[in-house]
Amino acid sequence: MNNEDKRILRGLIESCLTISASAFYPFVKKKIIYTRMPNKMRFYSHYKYMLNCLNCNSNKILHYKWERINWGGNKLSLVIYDSIHKYPRLTFVIEKINGKLYIETLPF
């Protein structure tokens, strides 16, 4: 991953930890960001919804963890936890393919 990718991922992390979807919006508009949703605005709308659920269902003391996923290729998983629940509050699957940075959310 290059510096631009790292900057985008730092923006995603900061947006999640502060529960501020608007902090990630400028990054969503970048040309190297891709999603498998129909379009980026639908991804952003879903992302805002997921952050709203996170805000309602967590104690807002959040931390993150990177995990390597070996199914379906070499992917990274960004997992957001709070200090109360055992299971993650948000999970993102991140994959770099041909210079494109794919960011997906898992439904649970």
PDB file of N, CA and C in Angstrom:
ATOM      1  N   MET A   1       0.835  -1.176   0.000  1.00  0.00           N
ATOM      2  CA  MET A   1       0.000   0.000   0.000  1.00  0.00           C
ATOM      3  C   MET A   1       0.883   1.244   0.000  1.00  0.00           C
ATOM      4  N   ASN A   2       0.476   2.216  -0.786  1.00  0.00           N
ATOM      5  CA  ASN A   2       1.254   3.448  -0.866  1.00  0.00           C
ATOM      6  C   ASN A   2       0.747   4.463   0.164  1.00  0.00           C
ATOM      7  N   ASN A   3       1.368   5.644   0.174  1.00  0.00           N
ATOM      8  CA  ASN A   3       1.025   6.666   1.160  1.00  0.00           C
ATOM      9  C   ASN A   3      -0.417   7.148   1.019  1.00  0.00           C
ATOM     10  N   GLU A   4      -0.909   7.263  -0.198  1.00  0.00           N
ATOM     11  CA  GLU A   4      -2.290   7.707  -0.414  1.00  0.00           C
ATOM     12  C   GLU A   4      -3.274   6.697   0.173  1.00  0.00           C
ATOM     13  N   ASP A   5      -3.003   5.406  -0.014  1.00  0.00           N
ATOM     14  CA  ASP A   5      -3.859   4.365   0.555  1.00  0.00           C
ATOM     15  C   ASP A   5      -3.853   4.446   2.084  1.00  0.00           C
ATOM     16  N   LYS A   6      -2.679   4.633   2.647  1.00  0.00           N
ATOM     17  CA  LYS A   6      -2.561   4.727   4.107  1.00  0.00           C
ATOM     18  C   LYS A   6      -3.305   5.942   4.641  1.00  0.00           C
ATOM     19  N   ARG A   7      -3.257   7.045   3.903  1.00  0.00           N
ATOM     20  CA  ARG A   7      -3.965   8.259   4.314  1.00  0.00           C
ATOM     21  C   ARG A   7      -5.484   8.026   4.285  1.00  0.00           C
ATOM     22  N   ILE A   8      -5.954   7.331   3.273  1.00  0.00           N
ATOM     23  CA  ILE A   8      -7.380   7.002   3.175  1.00  0.00           C
ATOM     24  C   ILE A   8      -7.803   6.097   4.334  1.00  0.00           C
ATOM     25  N   LEU A   9      -6.998   5.102   4.637  1.00  0.00           N
ATOM     26  CA  LEU A   9      -7.336   4.191   5.722  1.00  0.00           C
ATOM     27  C   LEU A   9      -7.283   4.882   7.079  1.00  0.00           C
ATOM     28  N   ARG A  10      -6.324   5.810   7.263  1.00  0.00           N
ATOM     29  CA  ARG A  10      -6.297   6.601   8.498  1.00  0.00           C
ATOM     30  C   ARG A  10      -7.569   7.438   8.618  1.00  0.00           C
ATOM     31  N   GLY A  11      -8.043   7.988   7.494  1.00  0.00           N
ATOM     32  CA  GLY A  11      -9.299   8.738   7.495  1.00  0.00           C
ATOM     33  C   GLY A  11     -10.481   7.868   7.878  1.00  0.00           C
ATOM     34  N   LEU A  12     -10.503   6.634   7.380  1.00  0.00           N
ATOM     35  CA  LEU A  12     -11.567   5.691   7.723  1.00  0.00           C
ATOM     36  C   LEU A  12     -11.538   5.377   9.220  1.00  0.00           C
ATOM     37  N   ILE A  13     -10.359   5.119   9.746  1.00  0.00           N
ATOM     38  CA  ILE A  13     -10.215   4.805  11.166  1.00  0.00           C
ATOM     39  C   ILE A  13     -10.657   5.992  12.017  1.00  0.00           C
ATOM     40  N   GLU A  14     -10.173   7.172  11.688  1.00  0.00           N
ATOM     41  CA  GLU A  14     -10.532   8.376  12.446  1.00  0.00           C
ATOM     42  C   GLU A  14     -12.040   8.608  12.402  1.00  0.00           C
ATOM     43  N   SER A  15     -12.636   8.430  11.237  1.00  0.00           N
ATOM     44  CA  SER A  15     -14.073   8.609  11.084  1.00  0.00           C
ATOM     45  C   SER A  15     -14.848   7.632  11.965  1.00  0.00           C
ATOM     46  N   CYS A  16     -14.404   6.392  12.029  1.00  0.00           N
ATOM     47  CA  CYS A  16     -15.078   5.390  12.858  1.00  0.00           C
ATOM     48  C   CYS A  16     -14.896   5.663  14.343  1.00  0.00           C
ATOM     49  N   LEU A  17     -13.676   5.974  14.748  1.00  0.00           N
ATOM     50  CA  LEU A  17     -13.412   6.170  16.167  1.00  0.00           C
ATOM     51  C   LEU A  17     -14.088   7.416  16.723  1.00  0.00           C
ATOM     52  N   THR A  18     -14.294   8.418  15.883  1.00  0.00           N
ATOM     53  CA  THR A  18     -14.971   9.640  16.325  1.00  0.00           C
ATOM     54  C   THR A  18     -16.460   9.619  15.983  1.00  0.00           C
ATOM     55  N   ILE A  19     -16.915   8.558  15.330  1.00  0.00           N
ATOM     56  CA  ILE A  19     -18.308   8.383  14.893  1.00  0.00           C
ATOM     57  C   ILE A  19     -18.760   9.605  14.091  1.00  0.00           C
ATOM     58  N   SER A  20     -17.956   9.937  13.096  1.00  0.00           N
ATOM     59  CA  SER A  20     -18.246  11.084  12.238  1.00  0.00           C
ATOM     60  C   SER A  20     -18.105  10.663  10.777  1.00  0.00           C
ATOM     61  N   ALA A  21     -19.204  10.318  10.148  1.00  0.00           N
ATOM     62  CA  ALA A  21     -19.177   9.867   8.758  1.00  0.00           C
ATOM     63  C   ALA A  21     -18.680  10.959   7.822  1.00  0.00           C
ATOM     64  N   SER A  22     -18.987  12.202   8.133  1.00  0.00           N
ATOM     65  CA  SER A  22     -18.591  13.309   7.252  1.00  0.00           C
ATOM     66  C   SER A  22     -17.073  13.457   7.154  1.00  0.00           C
ATOM     67  N   ALA A  23     -16.334  12.957   8.138  1.00  0.00           N
ATOM     68  CA  ALA A  23     -14.869  13.016   8.081  1.00  0.00           C
ATOM     69  C   ALA A  23     -14.318  12.108   6.978  1.00  0.00           C
ATOM     70  N   PHE A  24     -15.069  11.074   6.608  1.00  0.00           N
ATOM     71  CA  PHE A  24     -14.608  10.146   5.573  1.00  0.00           C
ATOM     72  C   PHE A  24     -15.124  10.506   4.182  1.00  0.00           C
ATOM     73  N   TYR A  25     -16.103  11.387   4.102  1.00  0.00           N
ATOM     74  CA  TYR A  25     -16.712  11.729   2.815  1.00  0.00           C
ATOM     75  C   TYR A  25     -15.715  12.204   1.757  1.00  0.00           C
ATOM     76  N   PRO A  26     -14.746  13.092   2.079  1.00  0.00           N
ATOM     77  CA  PRO A  26     -13.785  13.507   1.042  1.00  0.00           C
ATOM     78  C   PRO A  26     -12.978  12.341   0.466  1.00  0.00           C
ATOM     79  N   PHE A  27     -12.740  11.319   1.268  1.00  0.00           N
ATOM     80  CA  PHE A  27     -11.982  10.159   0.804  1.00  0.00           C
ATOM     81  C   PHE A  27     -12.826   9.279  -0.115  1.00  0.00           C
ATOM     82  N   VAL A  28     -14.121   9.197   0.153  1.00  0.00           N
ATOM     83  CA  VAL A  28     -15.028   8.378  -0.671  1.00  0.00           C
ATOM     84  C   VAL A  28     -15.034   8.882  -2.110  1.00  0.00           C
ATOM     85  N   LYS A  29     -14.891  10.179  -2.297  1.00  0.00           N
ATOM     86  CA  LYS A  29     -14.951  10.769  -3.634  1.00  0.00           C
ATOM     87  C   LYS A  29     -13.682  10.540  -4.459  1.00  0.00           C
ATOM     88  N   LYS A  30     -12.613  10.040  -3.847  1.00  0.00           N
ATOM     89  CA  LYS A  30     -11.356   9.831  -4.582  1.00  0.00           C
ATOM     90  C   LYS A  30     -11.513   8.731  -5.625  1.00  0.00           C
ATOM     91  N   LYS A  31     -10.767   8.878  -6.713  1.00  0.00           N
ATOM     92  CA  LYS A  31     -10.895   7.945  -7.845  1.00  0.00           C
ATOM     93  C   LYS A  31     -10.363   6.551  -7.554  1.00  0.00           C
ATOM     94  N   ILE A  32      -9.436   6.417  -6.605  1.00  0.00           N
ATOM     95  CA  ILE A  32      -8.875   5.092  -6.352  1.00  0.00           C
ATOM     96  C   ILE A  32      -9.743   4.252  -5.423  1.00  0.00           C
ATOM     97  N   ILE A  33     -10.769   4.851  -4.808  1.00  0.00           N
ATOM     98  CA  ILE A  33     -11.676   4.115  -3.929  1.00  0.00           C
ATOM     99  C   ILE A  33     -12.760   3.447  -4.768  1.00  0.00           C
ATOM    100  N   TYR A  34     -12.965   2.175  -4.506  1.00  0.00           N
ATOM    101  CA  TYR A  34     -14.005   1.403  -5.184  1.00  0.00           C
ATOM    102  C   TYR A  34     -14.780   0.602  -4.145  1.00  0.00           C
ATOM    103  N   THR A  35     -15.978   0.258  -4.500  1.00  0.00           N
ATOM    104  CA  THR A  35     -16.806  -0.584  -3.658  1.00  0.00           C
ATOM    105  C   THR A  35     -17.622  -1.491  -4.562  1.00  0.00           C
ATOM    106  N   ARG A  36     -18.088  -2.576  -4.044  1.00  0.00           N
ATOM    107  CA  ARG A  36     -18.911  -3.476  -4.847  1.00  0.00           C
ATOM    108  C   ARG A  36     -20.394  -3.134  -4.726  1.00  0.00           C
ATOM    109  N   MET A  37     -20.706  -2.093  -3.987  1.00  0.00           N
ATOM    110  CA  MET A  37     -22.083  -1.591  -3.968  1.00  0.00           C
ATOM    111  C   MET A  37     -22.354  -0.918  -5.309  1.00  0.00           C
ATOM    112  N   PRO A  38     -23.608  -0.664  -5.638  1.00  0.00           N
ATOM    113  CA  PRO A  38     -23.911  -0.077  -6.949  1.00  0.00           C
ATOM    114  C   PRO A  38     -23.177   1.226  -7.249  1.00  0.00           C
ATOM    115  N   ASN A  39     -22.964   2.058  -6.239  1.00  0.00           N
ATOM    116  CA  ASN A  39     -22.183   3.273  -6.434  1.00  0.00           C
ATOM    117  C   ASN A  39     -21.628   3.750  -5.097  1.00  0.00           C
ATOM    118  N   LYS A  40     -20.748   4.733  -5.158  1.00  0.00           N
ATOM    119  CA  LYS A  40     -20.087   5.211  -3.949  1.00  0.00           C
ATOM    120  C   LYS A  40     -21.051   5.907  -2.988  1.00  0.00           C
ATOM    121  N   MET A  41     -22.044   6.597  -3.521  1.00  0.00           N
ATOM    122  CA  MET A  41     -22.991   7.288  -2.651  1.00  0.00           C
ATOM    123  C   MET A  41     -23.855   6.300  -1.869  1.00  0.00           C
ATOM    124  N   ARG A  42     -24.177   5.181  -2.474  1.00  0.00           N
ATOM    125  CA  ARG A  42     -24.914   4.153  -1.737  1.00  0.00           C
ATOM    126  C   ARG A  42     -24.019   3.557  -0.642  1.00  0.00           C
ATOM    127  N   PHE A  43     -22.740   3.358  -0.955  1.00  0.00           N
ATOM    128  CA  PHE A  43     -21.795   2.889   0.061  1.00  0.00           C
ATOM    129  C   PHE A  43     -21.735   3.889   1.208  1.00  0.00           C
ATOM    130  N   TYR A  44     -21.615   5.189   0.877  1.00  0.00           N
ATOM    131  CA  TYR A  44     -21.514   6.219   1.910  1.00  0.00           C
ATOM    132  C   TYR A  44     -22.793   6.275   2.751  1.00  0.00           C
ATOM    133  N   SER A  45     -23.936   6.141   2.134  1.00  0.00           N
ATOM    134  CA  SER A  45     -25.205   6.139   2.858  1.00  0.00           C
ATOM    135  C   SER A  45     -25.262   4.963   3.835  1.00  0.00           C
ATOM    136  N   HIS A  46     -24.844   3.794   3.377  1.00  0.00           N
ATOM    137  CA  HIS A  46     -24.798   2.612   4.241  1.00  0.00           C
ATOM    138  C   HIS A  46     -23.783   2.810   5.361  1.00  0.00           C
ATOM    139  N   TYR A  47     -22.654   3.400   5.038  1.00  0.00           N
ATOM    140  CA  TYR A  47     -21.608   3.686   6.028  1.00  0.00           C
ATOM    141  C   TYR A  47     -22.153   4.617   7.121  1.00  0.00           C
ATOM    142  N   LYS A  48     -22.867   5.667   6.729  1.00  0.00           N
ATOM    143  CA  LYS A  48     -23.461   6.583   7.712  1.00  0.00           C
ATOM    144  C   LYS A  48     -24.455   5.849   8.604  1.00  0.00           C
ATOM    145  N   TYR A  49     -25.249   4.979   8.005  1.00  0.00           N
ATOM    146  CA  TYR A  49     -26.212   4.194   8.770  1.00  0.00           C
ATOM    147  C   TYR A  49     -25.496   3.293   9.783  1.00  0.00           C
ATOM    148  N   MET A  50     -24.444   2.635   9.336  1.00  0.00           N
ATOM    149  CA  MET A  50     -23.687   1.748  10.228  1.00  0.00           C
ATOM    150  C   MET A  50     -23.057   2.539  11.387  1.00  0.00           C
ATOM    151  N   LEU A  51     -22.538   3.742  11.106  1.00  0.00           N
ATOM    152  CA  LEU A  51     -21.973   4.565  12.181  1.00  0.00           C
ATOM    153  C   LEU A  51     -23.063   5.022  13.141  1.00  0.00           C
ATOM    154  N   ASN A  52     -24.247   5.314  12.630  1.00  0.00           N
ATOM    155  CA  ASN A  52     -25.354   5.692  13.498  1.00  0.00           C
ATOM    156  C   ASN A  52     -25.725   4.531  14.421  1.00  0.00           C
ATOM    157  N   CYS A  53     -25.755   3.321  13.889  1.00  0.00           N
ATOM    158  CA  CYS A  53     -26.015   2.135  14.711  1.00  0.00           C
ATOM    159  C   CYS A  53     -24.907   1.944  15.745  1.00  0.00           C
ATOM    160  N   LEU A  54     -23.676   2.164  15.332  1.00  0.00           N
ATOM    161  CA  LEU A  54     -22.546   2.075  16.256  1.00  0.00           C
ATOM    162  C   LEU A  54     -22.707   3.079  17.386  1.00  0.00           C
ATOM    163  N   ASN A  55     -23.131   4.273  17.060  1.00  0.00           N
ATOM    164  CA  ASN A  55     -23.325   5.309  18.060  1.00  0.00           C
ATOM    165  C   ASN A  55     -24.409   4.911  19.067  1.00  0.00           C
ATOM    166  N   CYS A  56     -25.459   4.281  18.591  1.00  0.00           N
ATOM    167  CA  CYS A  56     -26.567   3.889  19.459  1.00  0.00           C
ATOM    168  C   CYS A  56     -26.266   2.635  20.287  1.00  0.00           C
ATOM    169  N   ASN A  57     -25.463   1.738  19.763  1.00  0.00           N
ATOM    170  CA  ASN A  57     -25.292   0.418  20.386  1.00  0.00           C
ATOM    171  C   ASN A  57     -23.953   0.180  21.057  1.00  0.00           C
ATOM    172  N   SER A  58     -23.148   1.197  21.213  1.00  0.00           N
ATOM    173  CA  SER A  58     -21.852   0.987  21.862  1.00  0.00           C
ATOM    174  C   SER A  58     -21.689   1.992  22.986  1.00  0.00           C
ATOM    175  N   ASN A  59     -20.637   1.806  23.758  1.00  0.00           N
ATOM    176  CA  ASN A  59     -20.363   2.750  24.846  1.00  0.00           C
ATOM    177  C   ASN A  59     -19.451   3.889  24.387  1.00  0.00           C
ATOM    178  N   LYS A  60     -19.122   3.930  23.104  1.00  0.00           N
ATOM    179  CA  LYS A  60     -18.366   4.997  22.446  1.00  0.00           C
ATOM    180  C   LYS A  60     -16.894   5.058  22.861  1.00  0.00           C
ATOM    181  N   ILE A  61     -16.420   4.077  23.589  1.00  0.00           N
ATOM    182  CA  ILE A  61     -14.980   3.943  23.843  1.00  0.00           C
ATOM    183  C   ILE A  61     -14.500   2.883  22.859  1.00  0.00           C
ATOM    184  N   LEU A  62     -14.012   3.341  21.700  1.00  0.00           N
ATOM    185  CA  LEU A  62     -13.739   2.452  20.573  1.00  0.00           C
ATOM    186  C   LEU A  62     -12.246   2.276  20.343  1.00  0.00           C
ATOM    187  N   HIS A  63     -11.901   1.120  19.814  1.00  0.00           N
ATOM    188  CA  HIS A  63     -10.537   0.850  19.360  1.00  0.00           C
ATOM    189  C   HIS A  63     -10.627  -0.038  18.120  1.00  0.00           C
ATOM    190  N   TYR A  64      -9.521  -0.127  17.404  1.00  0.00           N
ATOM    191  CA  TYR A  64      -9.533  -0.911  16.166  1.00  0.00           C
ATOM    192  C   TYR A  64      -8.416  -1.933  16.167  1.00  0.00           C
ATOM    193  N   LYS A  65      -8.555  -2.885  15.258  1.00  0.00           N
ATOM    194  CA  LYS A  65      -7.565  -3.954  15.121  1.00  0.00           C
ATOM    195  C   LYS A  65      -7.525  -4.364  13.652  1.00  0.00           C
ATOM    196  N   TRP A  66      -6.315  -4.586  13.136  1.00  0.00           N
ATOM    197  CA  TRP A  66      -6.156  -5.104  11.772  1.00  0.00           C
ATOM    198  C   TRP A  66      -6.046  -6.613  11.838  1.00  0.00           C
ATOM    199  N   GLU A  67      -6.731  -7.283  10.933  1.00  0.00           N
ATOM    200  CA  GLU A  67      -6.638  -8.740  10.837  1.00  0.00           C
ATOM    201  C   GLU A  67      -6.428  -9.119   9.387  1.00  0.00           C
ATOM    202  N   ARG A  68      -5.688 -10.159   9.142  1.00  0.00           N
ATOM    203  CA  ARG A  68      -5.457 -10.662   7.791  1.00  0.00           C
ATOM    204  C   ARG A  68      -6.506 -11.711   7.476  1.00  0.00           C
ATOM    205  N   ILE A  69      -7.129 -11.586   6.315  1.00  0.00           N
ATOM    206  CA  ILE A  69      -8.138 -12.547   5.857  1.00  0.00           C
ATOM    207  C   ILE A  69      -7.525 -13.324   4.695  1.00  0.00           C
ATOM    208  N   ASN A  70      -7.557 -14.623   4.770  1.00  0.00           N
ATOM    209  CA  ASN A  70      -6.950 -15.436   3.725  1.00  0.00           C
ATOM    210  C   ASN A  70      -7.964 -16.059   2.778  1.00  0.00           C
ATOM    211  N   TRP A  71      -9.254 -15.873   3.011  1.00  0.00           N
ATOM    212  CA  TRP A  71     -10.242 -16.418   2.094  1.00  0.00           C
ATOM    213  C   TRP A  71     -10.488 -15.443   0.960  1.00  0.00           C
ATOM    214  N   GLY A  72     -10.575 -15.966  -0.245  1.00  0.00           N
ATOM    215  CA  GLY A  72     -10.876 -15.142  -1.403  1.00  0.00           C
ATOM    216  C   GLY A  72      -9.777 -14.170  -1.782  1.00  0.00           C
ATOM    217  N   GLY A  73      -8.545 -14.510  -1.544  1.00  0.00           N
ATOM    218  CA  GLY A  73      -7.447 -13.609  -1.875  1.00  0.00           C
ATOM    219  C   GLY A  73      -6.803 -13.052  -0.621  1.00  0.00           C
ATOM    220  N   ASN A  74      -5.857 -12.186  -0.825  1.00  0.00           N
ATOM    221  CA  ASN A  74      -5.116 -11.602   0.280  1.00  0.00           C
ATOM    222  C   ASN A  74      -5.773 -10.277   0.674  1.00  0.00           C
ATOM    223  N   LYS A  75      -6.578 -10.309   1.717  1.00  0.00           N
ATOM    224  CA  LYS A  75      -7.341  -9.136   2.121  1.00  0.00           C
ATOM    225  C   LYS A  75      -7.008  -8.753   3.553  1.00  0.00           C
ATOM    226  N   LEU A  76      -7.249  -7.486   3.861  1.00  0.00           N
ATOM    227  CA  LEU A  76      -7.128  -6.997   5.223  1.00  0.00           C
ATOM    228  C   LEU A  76      -8.514  -6.722   5.773  1.00  0.00           C
ATOM    229  N   SER A  77      -8.648  -6.870   7.054  1.00  0.00           N
ATOM    230  CA  SER A  77      -9.900  -6.572   7.716  1.00  0.00           C
ATOM    231  C   SER A  77      -9.625  -5.529   8.791  1.00  0.00           C
ATOM    232  N   LEU A  78     -10.364  -4.436   8.758  1.00  0.00           N
ATOM    233  CA  LEU A  78     -10.315  -3.422   9.797  1.00  0.00           C
ATOM    234  C   LEU A  78     -11.520  -3.662  10.684  1.00  0.00           C
ATOM    235  N   VAL A  79     -11.271  -3.967  11.944  1.00  0.00           N
ATOM    236  CA  VAL A  79     -12.332  -4.344  12.861  1.00  0.00           C
ATOM    237  C   VAL A  79     -12.407  -3.303  13.972  1.00  0.00           C
ATOM    238  N   ILE A  80     -13.604  -2.772  14.210  1.00  0.00           N
ATOM    239  CA  ILE A  80     -13.829  -1.764  15.235  1.00  0.00           C
ATOM    240  C   ILE A  80     -14.549  -2.420  16.412  1.00  0.00           C
ATOM    241  N   TYR A  81     -13.956  -2.296  17.605  1.00  0.00           N
ATOM    242  CA  TYR A  81     -14.522  -2.850  18.837  1.00  0.00           C
ATOM    243  C   TYR A  81     -14.847  -1.719  19.803  1.00  0.00           C
ATOM    244  N   ASP A  82     -15.746  -2.013  20.746  1.00  0.00           N
ATOM    245  CA  ASP A  82     -15.893  -1.118  21.880  1.00  0.00           C
ATOM    246  C   ASP A  82     -15.403  -1.873  23.116  1.00  0.00           C
ATOM    247  N   SER A  83     -15.458  -1.232  24.272  1.00  0.00           N
ATOM    248  CA  SER A  83     -14.863  -1.842  25.464  1.00  0.00           C
ATOM    249  C   SER A  83     -15.820  -2.780  26.204  1.00  0.00           C
ATOM    250  N   ILE A  84     -17.054  -2.882  25.753  1.00  0.00           N
ATOM    251  CA  ILE A  84     -18.030  -3.733  26.443  1.00  0.00           C
ATOM    252  C   ILE A  84     -18.254  -5.053  25.721  1.00  0.00           C
ATOM    253  N   HIS A  85     -18.484  -5.001  24.426  1.00  0.00           N
ATOM    254  CA  HIS A  85     -18.892  -6.180  23.668  1.00  0.00           C
ATOM    255  C   HIS A  85     -17.699  -7.037  23.259  1.00  0.00           C
ATOM    256  N   LYS A  86     -17.925  -8.329  23.212  1.00  0.00           N
ATOM    257  CA  LYS A  86     -16.888  -9.277  22.815  1.00  0.00           C
ATOM    258  C   LYS A  86     -16.657  -9.266  21.309  1.00  0.00           C
ATOM    259  N   TYR A  87     -17.732  -9.088  20.552  1.00  0.00           N
ATOM    260  CA  TYR A  87     -17.651  -9.159  19.099  1.00  0.00           C
ATOM    261  C   TYR A  87     -17.546  -7.760  18.498  1.00  0.00           C
ATOM    262  N   PRO A  88     -17.025  -7.665  17.281  1.00  0.00           N
ATOM    263  CA  PRO A  88     -16.820  -6.343  16.676  1.00  0.00           C
ATOM    264  C   PRO A  88     -18.126  -5.592  16.432  1.00  0.00           C
ATOM    265  N   ARG A  89     -18.022  -4.298  16.484  1.00  0.00           N
ATOM    266  CA  ARG A  89     -19.160  -3.424  16.193  1.00  0.00           C
ATOM    267  C   ARG A  89     -19.231  -3.120  14.703  1.00  0.00           C
ATOM    268  N   LEU A  90     -18.085  -3.011  14.035  1.00  0.00           N
ATOM    269  CA  LEU A  90     -18.003  -2.740  12.591  1.00  0.00           C
ATOM    270  C   LEU A  90     -16.836  -3.522  12.021  1.00  0.00           C
ATOM    271  N   THR A  91     -16.995  -4.011  10.817  1.00  0.00           N
ATOM    272  CA  THR A  91     -15.904  -4.705  10.130  1.00  0.00           C
ATOM    273  C   THR A  91     -15.860  -4.247   8.680  1.00  0.00           C
ATOM    274  N   PHE A  92     -14.661  -3.891   8.230  1.00  0.00           N
ATOM    275  CA  PHE A  92     -14.426  -3.498   6.846  1.00  0.00           C
ATOM    276  C   PHE A  92     -13.436  -4.468   6.225  1.00  0.00           C
ATOM    277  N   VAL A  93     -13.707  -4.881   5.014  1.00  0.00           N
ATOM    278  CA  VAL A  93     -12.772  -5.703   4.254  1.00  0.00           C
ATOM    279  C   VAL A  93     -12.110  -4.792   3.229  1.00  0.00           C
ATOM    280  N   ILE A  94     -10.787  -4.778   3.242  1.00  0.00           N
ATOM    281  CA  ILE A  94     -10.029  -3.878   2.378  1.00  0.00           C
ATOM    282  C   ILE A  94      -9.106  -4.703   1.497  1.00  0.00           C
ATOM    283  N   GLU A  95      -9.161  -4.402   0.215  1.00  0.00           N
ATOM    284  CA  GLU A  95      -8.366  -5.162  -0.754  1.00  0.00           C
ATOM    285  C   GLU A  95      -7.827  -4.213  -1.817  1.00  0.00           C
ATOM    286  N   LYS A  96      -6.574  -4.398  -2.165  1.00  0.00           N
ATOM    287  CA  LYS A  96      -5.934  -3.601  -3.211  1.00  0.00           C
ATOM    288  C   LYS A  96      -5.810  -4.476  -4.449  1.00  0.00           C
ATOM    289  N   ILE A  97      -6.479  -4.071  -5.542  1.00  0.00           N
ATOM    290  CA  ILE A  97      -6.443  -4.822  -6.798  1.00  0.00           C
ATOM    291  C   ILE A  97      -6.127  -3.850  -7.924  1.00  0.00           C
ATOM    292  N   ASN A  98      -5.033  -4.076  -8.621  1.00  0.00           N
ATOM    293  CA  ASN A  98      -4.650  -3.263  -9.791  1.00  0.00           C
ATOM    294  C   ASN A  98      -4.700  -1.760  -9.522  1.00  0.00           C
ATOM    295  N   GLY A  99      -4.153  -1.350  -8.391  1.00  0.00           N
ATOM    296  CA  GLY A  99      -4.106   0.071  -8.063  1.00  0.00           C
ATOM    297  C   GLY A  99      -5.409   0.636  -7.534  1.00  0.00           C
ATOM    298  N   LYS A 100      -6.425  -0.188  -7.388  1.00  0.00           N
ATOM    299  CA  LYS A 100      -7.718   0.248  -6.874  1.00  0.00           C
ATOM    300  C   LYS A 100      -7.881  -0.256  -5.446  1.00  0.00           C
ATOM    301  N   LEU A 101      -8.368   0.601  -4.577  1.00  0.00           N
ATOM    302  CA  LEU A 101      -8.575   0.252  -3.173  1.00  0.00           C
ATOM    303  C   LEU A 101     -10.062  -0.037  -2.958  1.00  0.00           C
ATOM    304  N   TYR A 102     -10.387  -1.311  -2.742  1.00  0.00           N
ATOM    305  CA  TYR A 102     -11.766  -1.719  -2.513  1.00  0.00           C
ATOM    306  C   TYR A 102     -12.039  -1.731  -1.012  1.00  0.00           C
ATOM    307  N   ILE A 103     -13.108  -1.052  -0.605  1.00  0.00           N
ATOM    308  CA  ILE A 103     -13.520  -1.031   0.793  1.00  0.00           C
ATOM    309  C   ILE A 103     -14.954  -1.529   0.857  1.00  0.00           C
ATOM    310  N   GLU A 104     -15.160  -2.577   1.643  1.00  0.00           N
ATOM    311  CA  GLU A 104     -16.484  -3.175   1.804  1.00  0.00           C
ATOM    312  C   GLU A 104     -16.818  -3.268   3.279  1.00  0.00           C
ATOM    313  N   THR A 105     -18.090  -3.224   3.594  1.00  0.00           N
ATOM    314  CA  THR A 105     -18.527  -3.446   4.972  1.00  0.00           C
ATOM    315  C   THR A 105     -19.137  -4.828   5.071  1.00  0.00           C
ATOM    316  N   LEU A 106     -18.970  -5.452   6.216  1.00  0.00           N
ATOM    317  CA  LEU A 106     -19.646  -6.714   6.470  1.00  0.00           C
ATOM    318  C   LEU A 106     -20.963  -6.390   7.172  1.00  0.00           C
ATOM    319  N   PRO A 107     -21.997  -7.181   6.941  1.00  0.00           N
ATOM    320  CA  PRO A 107     -23.319  -6.829   7.461  1.00  0.00           C
ATOM    321  C   PRO A 107     -23.459  -6.928   8.971  1.00  0.00           C
ATOM    322  N   PHE A 108     -22.566  -7.633   9.645  1.00  0.00           N
ATOM    323  CA  PHE A 108     -22.715  -7.811  11.095  1.00  0.00           C
ATOM    324  C   PHE A 108     -21.493  -7.328  11.814  1.00  0.00           C
TER     325      PHE A 108
END
